[in-house]
PDB file of N, CA and C in Angstrom:
ATOM      1  N   UNK A   1       0.808  -1.105  -0.200  1.00  0.00           N
ATOM      2  CA  UNK A   1      -0.069   0.005   0.145  1.00  0.00           C
ATOM      3  C   UNK A   1       0.844   1.189   0.025  1.00  0.00           C
ATOM      4  N   UNK A   2       0.437   2.283  -0.886  1.00  0.00           N
ATOM      5  CA  UNK A   2       1.275   3.406  -0.925  1.00  0.00           C
ATOM      6  C   UNK A   2       0.952   4.378   0.216  1.00  0.00           C
ATOM      7  N   UNK A   3       1.920   5.205   0.417  1.00  0.00           N
ATOM      8  CA  UNK A   3       1.667   6.121   1.569  1.00  0.00           C
ATOM      9  C   UNK A   3       0.687   7.100   0.965  1.00  0.00           C
ATOM     10  N   UNK A   4       0.079   7.987   1.786  1.00  0.00           N
ATOM     11  CA  UNK A   4      -0.843   9.119   1.505  1.00  0.00           C
ATOM     12  C   UNK A   4      -0.061   9.866   0.831  1.00  0.00           C
ATOM     13  N   UNK A   5      -0.461  10.637  -0.217  1.00  0.00           N
ATOM     14  CA  UNK A   5       0.245  11.765  -0.746  1.00  0.00           C
ATOM     15  C   UNK A   5       0.402  12.894   0.500  1.00  0.00           C
ATOM     16  N   UNK A   6       1.352  13.631   0.268  1.00  0.00           N
ATOM     17  CA  UNK A   6       1.837  14.828   1.143  1.00  0.00           C
ATOM     18  C   UNK A   6       0.749  15.797   1.109  1.00  0.00           C
ATOM     19  N   UNK A   7       0.165  16.132  -0.121  1.00  0.00           N
ATOM     20  CA  UNK A   7      -0.880  16.994  -0.088  1.00  0.00           C
ATOM     21  C   UNK A   7      -2.133  16.751   0.769  1.00  0.00           C
ATOM     22  N   UNK A   8      -2.400  15.385   0.523  1.00  0.00           N
ATOM     23  CA  UNK A   8      -3.804  14.742   1.142  1.00  0.00           C
ATOM     24  C   UNK A   8      -3.524  14.742   2.809  1.00  0.00           C
ATOM     25  N   UNK A   9      -1.979  14.579   3.169  1.00  0.00           N
ATOM     26  CA  UNK A   9      -1.772  14.386   4.659  1.00  0.00           C
ATOM     27  C   UNK A   9      -1.913  15.810   5.158  1.00  0.00           C
ATOM     28  N   UNK A  10      -1.565  17.118   4.513  1.00  0.00           N
ATOM     29  CA  UNK A  10      -1.661  18.370   4.777  1.00  0.00           C
ATOM     30  C   UNK A  10      -3.003  18.672   5.033  1.00  0.00           C
ATOM     31  N   UNK A  11      -3.885  18.291   4.087  1.00  0.00           N
ATOM     32  CA  UNK A  11      -5.320  18.582   4.309  1.00  0.00           C
ATOM     33  C   UNK A  11      -6.082  18.042   5.406  1.00  0.00           C
ATOM     34  N   UNK A  12      -5.509  16.827   5.511  1.00  0.00           N
ATOM     35  CA  UNK A  12      -6.111  16.120   6.754  1.00  0.00           C
ATOM     36  C   UNK A  12      -5.679  16.681   8.110  1.00  0.00           C
ATOM     37  N   UNK A  13      -4.664  17.323   8.169  1.00  0.00           N
ATOM     38  CA  UNK A  13      -4.002  17.945   9.378  1.00  0.00           C
ATOM     39  C   UNK A  13      -4.596  19.357   9.444  1.00  0.00           C
ATOM     40  N   UNK A  14      -4.895  19.954   8.403  1.00  0.00           N
ATOM     41  CA  UNK A  14      -5.614  21.237   8.379  1.00  0.00           C
ATOM     42  C   UNK A  14      -6.967  21.227   8.962  1.00  0.00           C
ATOM     43  N   UNK A  15      -7.821  19.954   8.569  1.00  0.00           N
ATOM     44  CA  UNK A  15      -9.077  19.783   9.092  1.00  0.00           C
ATOM     45  C   UNK A  15      -9.045  19.455  10.745  1.00  0.00           C
ATOM     46  N   UNK A  16      -7.934  18.521  10.807  1.00  0.00           N
ATOM     47  CA  UNK A  16      -7.741  18.534  12.445  1.00  0.00           C
ATOM     48  C   UNK A  16      -7.432  19.535  13.219  1.00  0.00           C
ATOM     49  N   UNK A  17      -6.629  20.449  12.867  1.00  0.00           N
ATOM     50  CA  UNK A  17      -6.314  21.657  13.444  1.00  0.00           C
ATOM     51  C   UNK A  17      -7.730  22.471  13.679  1.00  0.00           C
ATOM     52  N   UNK A  18      -8.469  22.421  12.569  1.00  0.00           N
ATOM     53  CA  UNK A  18      -9.753  23.301  12.516  1.00  0.00           C
ATOM     54  C   UNK A  18     -10.580  22.904  13.650  1.00  0.00           C
ATOM     55  N   UNK A  19     -10.771  21.411  13.677  1.00  0.00           N
ATOM     56  CA  UNK A  19     -11.560  21.003  14.693  1.00  0.00           C
ATOM     57  C   UNK A  19     -11.054  21.182  16.224  1.00  0.00           C
ATOM     58  N   UNK A  20      -9.782  20.998  16.291  1.00  0.00           N
ATOM     59  CA  UNK A  20      -9.202  21.249  17.713  1.00  0.00           C
ATOM     60  C   UNK A  20      -9.301  22.655  18.105  1.00  0.00           C
ATOM     61  N   UNK A  21      -9.074  23.693  17.073  1.00  0.00           N
ATOM     62  CA  UNK A  21      -9.430  25.277  17.542  1.00  0.00           C
ATOM     63  C   UNK A  21     -10.688  25.353  17.953  1.00  0.00           C
ATOM     64  N   UNK A  22     -11.686  24.780  17.181  1.00  0.00           N
ATOM     65  CA  UNK A  22     -13.175  25.055  17.554  1.00  0.00           C
ATOM     66  C   UNK A  22     -13.342  24.353  19.088  1.00  0.00           C
ATOM     67  N   UNK A  23     -12.872  23.190  19.292  1.00  0.00           N
ATOM     68  CA  UNK A  23     -12.972  22.567  20.556  1.00  0.00           C
ATOM     69  C   UNK A  23     -12.250  23.531  21.835  1.00  0.00           C
ATOM     70  N   UNK A  24     -11.060  23.960  21.417  1.00  0.00           N
ATOM     71  CA  UNK A  24     -10.317  24.810  22.392  1.00  0.00           C
ATOM     72  C   UNK A  24     -11.097  26.206  22.690  1.00  0.00           C
ATOM     73  N   UNK A  25     -11.674  26.767  21.713  1.00  0.00           N
ATOM     74  CA  UNK A  25     -12.426  27.847  21.859  1.00  0.00           C
ATOM     75  C   UNK A  25     -13.790  27.677  22.629  1.00  0.00           C
ATOM     76  N   UNK A  26     -14.209  26.429  22.364  1.00  0.00           N
ATOM     77  CA  UNK A  26     -15.516  26.197  23.003  1.00  0.00           C
ATOM     78  C   UNK A  26     -15.403  25.910  24.696  1.00  0.00           C
ATOM     79  N   UNK A  27     -14.208  25.244  24.787  1.00  0.00           N
ATOM     80  CA  UNK A  27     -13.555  24.927  26.209  1.00  0.00           C
ATOM     81  C   UNK A  27     -13.112  26.243  26.897  1.00  0.00           C
ATOM     82  N   UNK A  28     -12.752  27.166  26.212  1.00  0.00           N
ATOM     83  CA  UNK A  28     -12.283  28.668  26.798  1.00  0.00           C
ATOM     84  C   UNK A  28     -13.583  29.446  27.138  1.00  0.00           C
ATOM     85  N   UNK A  29     -14.557  29.200  26.462  1.00  0.00           N
ATOM     86  CA  UNK A  29     -15.959  30.077  26.700  1.00  0.00           C
ATOM     87  C   UNK A  29     -16.681  29.227  28.110  1.00  0.00           C
ATOM     88  N   UNK A  30     -16.466  28.059  28.010  1.00  0.00           N
ATOM     89  CA  UNK A  30     -17.160  27.323  29.271  1.00  0.00           C
ATOM     90  C   UNK A  30     -16.199  27.679  30.583  1.00  0.00           C
ATOM     91  N   UNK A  31     -15.038  27.694  30.382  1.00  0.00           N
ATOM     92  CA  UNK A  31     -14.227  27.993  31.329  1.00  0.00           C
ATOM     93  C   UNK A  31     -14.473  29.253  31.853  1.00  0.00           C
ATOM     94  N   UNK A  32     -14.626  30.645  31.139  1.00  0.00           N
ATOM     95  CA  UNK A  32     -14.796  31.758  31.307  1.00  0.00           C
ATOM     96  C   UNK A  32     -16.208  31.912  32.079  1.00  0.00           C
ATOM     97  N   UNK A  33     -17.238  31.328  31.550  1.00  0.00           N
ATOM     98  CA  UNK A  33     -18.372  31.063  32.233  1.00  0.00           C
ATOM     99  C   UNK A  33     -18.623  30.850  33.390  1.00  0.00           C
ATOM    100  N   UNK A  34     -17.601  29.582  33.987  1.00  0.00           N
ATOM    101  CA  UNK A  34     -17.383  29.108  35.279  1.00  0.00           C
ATOM    102  C   UNK A  34     -16.672  30.115  36.064  1.00  0.00           C
ATOM    103  N   UNK A  35     -15.788  30.972  35.497  1.00  0.00           N
ATOM    104  CA  UNK A  35     -15.074  31.886  36.291  1.00  0.00           C
ATOM    105  C   UNK A  35     -16.111  33.127  36.735  1.00  0.00           C
ATOM    106  N   UNK A  36     -17.079  33.193  35.799  1.00  0.00           N
ATOM    107  CA  UNK A  36     -17.918  34.344  35.958  1.00  0.00           C
ATOM    108  C   UNK A  36     -18.953  33.860  37.195  1.00  0.00           C
ATOM    109  N   UNK A  37     -19.199  32.451  37.093  1.00  0.00           N
ATOM    110  CA  UNK A  37     -20.090  31.805  38.226  1.00  0.00           C
ATOM    111  C   UNK A  37     -19.605  31.953  39.503  1.00  0.00           C
ATOM    112  N   UNK A  38     -18.074  31.877  39.546  1.00  0.00           N
ATOM    113  CA  UNK A  38     -17.381  31.816  40.736  1.00  0.00           C
ATOM    114  C   UNK A  38     -17.259  33.304  41.355  1.00  0.00           C
ATOM    115  N   UNK A  39     -17.348  34.330  40.230  1.00  0.00           N
ATOM    116  CA  UNK A  39     -17.353  35.753  40.781  1.00  0.00           C
ATOM    117  C   UNK A  39     -18.674  35.976  41.210  1.00  0.00           C
ATOM    118  N   UNK A  40     -19.522  35.421  40.752  1.00  0.00           N
ATOM    119  CA  UNK A  40     -21.076  35.607  41.524  1.00  0.00           C
ATOM    120  C   UNK A  40     -21.083  34.851  42.684  1.00  0.00           C
ATOM    121  N   UNK A  41     -20.495  33.961  43.076  1.00  0.00           N
ATOM    122  CA  UNK A  41     -20.308  33.043  44.287  1.00  0.00           C
ATOM    123  C   UNK A  41     -19.536  33.757  45.204  1.00  0.00           C
ATOM    124  N   UNK A  42     -18.304  34.234  44.849  1.00  0.00           N
ATOM    125  CA  UNK A  42     -17.360  34.607  45.816  1.00  0.00           C
ATOM    126  C   UNK A  42     -17.306  36.037  46.035  1.00  0.00           C
ATOM    127  N   UNK A  43     -17.811  36.870  45.008  1.00  0.00           N
ATOM    128  CA  UNK A  43     -17.940  38.451  45.225  1.00  0.00           C
ATOM    129  C   UNK A  43     -16.849  39.052  44.211  1.00  0.00           C
ATOM    130  N   UNK A  44     -15.650  38.635  44.022  1.00  0.00           N
ATOM    131  CA  UNK A  44     -14.694  39.548  43.321  1.00  0.00           C
ATOM    132  C   UNK A  44     -13.746  38.432  42.376  1.00  0.00           C
ATOM    133  N   UNK A  45     -13.285  39.013  41.247  1.00  0.00           N
ATOM    134  CA  UNK A  45     -12.281  38.425  40.511  1.00  0.00           C
ATOM    135  C   UNK A  45     -11.137  38.031  41.506  1.00  0.00           C
ATOM    136  N   UNK A  46     -10.768  38.926  42.300  1.00  0.00           N
ATOM    137  CA  UNK A  46      -9.350  38.608  43.107  1.00  0.00           C
ATOM    138  C   UNK A  46      -9.867  37.375  43.983  1.00  0.00           C
ATOM    139  N   UNK A  47     -11.130  37.216  44.178  1.00  0.00           N
ATOM    140  CA  UNK A  47     -11.505  36.127  45.319  1.00  0.00           C
ATOM    141  C   UNK A  47     -11.367  34.729  44.498  1.00  0.00           C
ATOM    142  N   UNK A  48     -11.713  34.827  43.328  1.00  0.00           N
ATOM    143  CA  UNK A  48     -11.885  33.640  42.278  1.00  0.00           C
ATOM    144  C   UNK A  48     -10.313  33.339  42.105  1.00  0.00           C
ATOM    145  N   UNK A  49      -9.574  34.261  41.793  1.00  0.00           N
ATOM    146  CA  UNK A  49      -8.216  34.259  41.489  1.00  0.00           C
ATOM    147  C   UNK A  49      -7.378  33.455  42.682  1.00  0.00           C
ATOM    148  N   UNK A  50      -7.574  34.086  43.758  1.00  0.00           N
ATOM    149  CA  UNK A  50      -7.094  33.460  45.090  1.00  0.00           C
ATOM    150  C   UNK A  50      -7.363  31.831  45.199  1.00  0.00           C
ATOM    151  N   UNK A  51      -8.898  31.799  45.064  1.00  0.00           N
ATOM    152  CA  UNK A  51      -9.276  30.340  45.309  1.00  0.00           C
ATOM    153  C   UNK A  51      -8.700  29.136  44.189  1.00  0.00           C
ATOM    154  N   UNK A  52      -8.522  29.696  43.095  1.00  0.00           N
ATOM    155  CA  UNK A  52      -7.912  29.063  41.951  1.00  0.00           C
ATOM    156  C   UNK A  52      -6.259  29.020  42.071  1.00  0.00           C
ATOM    157  N   UNK A  53      -5.781  29.929  42.771  1.00  0.00           N
ATOM    158  CA  UNK A  53      -4.192  29.957  42.581  1.00  0.00           C
ATOM    159  C   UNK A  53      -3.647  30.431  41.572  1.00  0.00           C
ATOM    160  N   UNK A  54      -4.386  31.537  40.667  1.00  0.00           N
ATOM    161  CA  UNK A  54      -3.920  32.324  39.572  1.00  0.00           C
ATOM    162  C   UNK A  54      -3.982  33.659  39.954  1.00  0.00           C
ATOM    163  N   UNK A  55      -3.371  34.324  39.109  1.00  0.00           N
ATOM    164  CA  UNK A  55      -3.322  35.986  39.211  1.00  0.00           C
ATOM    165  C   UNK A  55      -4.730  36.375  38.799  1.00  0.00           C
ATOM    166  N   UNK A  56      -4.971  37.688  39.416  1.00  0.00           N
ATOM    167  CA  UNK A  56      -6.373  38.093  39.088  1.00  0.00           C
ATOM    168  C   UNK A  56      -6.435  38.328  37.724  1.00  0.00           C
ATOM    169  N   UNK A  57      -5.327  39.138  37.066  1.00  0.00           N
ATOM    170  CA  UNK A  57      -5.162  39.343  35.596  1.00  0.00           C
ATOM    171  C   UNK A  57      -5.628  38.296  34.732  1.00  0.00           C
ATOM    172  N   UNK A  58      -5.014  37.220  34.851  1.00  0.00           N
ATOM    173  CA  UNK A  58      -5.535  35.920  34.104  1.00  0.00           C
ATOM    174  C   UNK A  58      -7.167  35.674  34.099  1.00  0.00           C
ATOM    175  N   UNK A  59      -7.639  35.765  35.324  1.00  0.00           N
ATOM    176  CA  UNK A  59      -9.200  35.434  35.499  1.00  0.00           C
ATOM    177  C   UNK A  59      -9.858  36.715  34.590  1.00  0.00           C
ATOM    178  N   UNK A  60      -9.380  37.850  34.919  1.00  0.00           N
ATOM    179  CA  UNK A  60      -9.970  39.231  34.334  1.00  0.00           C
ATOM    180  C   UNK A  60      -9.869  39.032  32.915  1.00  0.00           C
ATOM    181  N   UNK A  61      -8.679  38.677  32.441  1.00  0.00           N
ATOM    182  CA  UNK A  61      -8.482  38.629  30.973  1.00  0.00           C
ATOM    183  C   UNK A  61      -9.442  37.366  30.384  1.00  0.00           C
ATOM    184  N   UNK A  62      -9.630  36.458  31.032  1.00  0.00           N
ATOM    185  CA  UNK A  62     -10.369  35.332  30.291  1.00  0.00           C
ATOM    186  C   UNK A  62     -11.866  35.721  30.207  1.00  0.00           C
ATOM    187  N   UNK A  63     -12.442  36.481  31.386  1.00  0.00           N
ATOM    188  CA  UNK A  63     -13.698  36.964  31.269  1.00  0.00           C
ATOM    189  C   UNK A  63     -13.955  37.941  30.506  1.00  0.00           C
ATOM    190  N   UNK A  64     -13.071  38.999  30.357  1.00  0.00           N
ATOM    191  CA  UNK A  64     -13.272  39.822  29.496  1.00  0.00           C
ATOM    192  C   UNK A  64     -13.129  39.471  27.696  1.00  0.00           C
ATOM    193  N   UNK A  65     -12.219  38.599  27.539  1.00  0.00           N
ATOM    194  CA  UNK A  65     -12.330  38.045  26.203  1.00  0.00           C
ATOM    195  C   UNK A  65     -13.583  37.302  25.976  1.00  0.00           C
ATOM    196  N   UNK A  66     -14.143  36.555  26.904  1.00  0.00           N
ATOM    197  CA  UNK A  66     -15.372  35.899  26.712  1.00  0.00           C
ATOM    198  C   UNK A  66     -16.620  36.753  26.430  1.00  0.00           C
ATOM    199  N   UNK A  67     -16.756  38.111  27.391  1.00  0.00           N
ATOM    200  CA  UNK A  67     -17.499  39.017  27.124  1.00  0.00           C
ATOM    201  C   UNK A  67     -17.623  39.753  25.950  1.00  0.00           C
ATOM    202  N   UNK A  68     -16.266  40.201  25.430  1.00  0.00           N
ATOM    203  CA  UNK A  68     -16.142  40.678  24.153  1.00  0.00           C
ATOM    204  C   UNK A  68     -16.887  39.625  22.809  1.00  0.00           C
ATOM    205  N   UNK A  69     -16.422  38.522  23.217  1.00  0.00           N
ATOM    206  CA  UNK A  69     -16.803  37.521  22.150  1.00  0.00           C
ATOM    207  C   UNK A  69     -18.487  37.319  22.211  1.00  0.00           C
ATOM    208  N   UNK A  70     -19.047  37.289  23.318  1.00  0.00           N
ATOM    209  CA  UNK A  70     -20.576  37.226  23.380  1.00  0.00           C
ATOM    210  C   UNK A  70     -21.111  38.402  22.761  1.00  0.00           C
ATOM    211  N   UNK A  71     -20.322  39.530  23.073  1.00  0.00           N
ATOM    212  CA  UNK A  71     -21.108  40.864  22.616  1.00  0.00           C
ATOM    213  C   UNK A  71     -20.966  41.037  20.940  1.00  0.00           C
ATOM    214  N   UNK A  72     -19.833  40.439  20.524  1.00  0.00           N
ATOM    215  CA  UNK A  72     -19.855  40.662  19.067  1.00  0.00           C
ATOM    216  C   UNK A  72     -20.715  39.509  18.500  1.00  0.00           C
ATOM    217  N   UNK A  73     -20.688  38.434  19.092  1.00  0.00           N
ATOM    218  CA  UNK A  73     -21.912  37.473  18.428  1.00  0.00           C
ATOM    219  C   UNK A  73     -23.171  38.022  18.558  1.00  0.00           C
ATOM    220  N   UNK A  74     -23.458  38.643  19.725  1.00  0.00           N
ATOM    221  CA  UNK A  74     -24.871  39.301  19.673  1.00  0.00           C
ATOM    222  C   UNK A  74     -25.099  40.566  18.614  1.00  0.00           C
ATOM    223  N   UNK A  75     -24.047  41.262  18.623  1.00  0.00           N
ATOM    224  CA  UNK A  75     -24.074  42.304  17.535  1.00  0.00           C
ATOM    225  C   UNK A  75     -24.177  41.766  16.152  1.00  0.00           C
ATOM    226  N   UNK A  76     -23.607  40.566  15.785  1.00  0.00           N
ATOM    227  CA  UNK A  76     -23.731  39.959  14.379  1.00  0.00           C
ATOM    228  C   UNK A  76     -25.113  39.681  14.138  1.00  0.00           C
ATOM    229  N   UNK A  77     -25.884  38.976  15.319  1.00  0.00           N
ATOM    230  CA  UNK A  77     -27.207  38.501  15.123  1.00  0.00           C
ATOM    231  C   UNK A  77     -28.113  39.661  15.080  1.00  0.00           C
ATOM    232  N   UNK A  78     -28.029  40.845  15.439  1.00  0.00           N
ATOM    233  CA  UNK A  78     -28.931  41.912  15.321  1.00  0.00           C
ATOM    234  C   UNK A  78     -28.805  42.764  14.067  1.00  0.00           C
ATOM    235  N   UNK A  79     -27.618  42.694  13.288  1.00  0.00           N
ATOM    236  CA  UNK A  79     -27.487  43.278  12.092  1.00  0.00           C
ATOM    237  C   UNK A  79     -28.409  42.800  11.049  1.00  0.00           C
TER     238      UNK A  79
END
């Protein structure tokens, strides 16, 4: 059996990378929503960061990125 041509292998890997990127994006969204739930429960971003053992800026950036993404999706659906 001949090995798969290199062009086909590249196409296969491109499809796989696209799937992985979509999965990673969905995971980041779920994580950010969980962080927001933590803020609602504990009171502040700093409290969530302390609880998770990460910097407050990491928590803040995740939440802000998620909120910007949600806002842009909402704007796209109202146009």
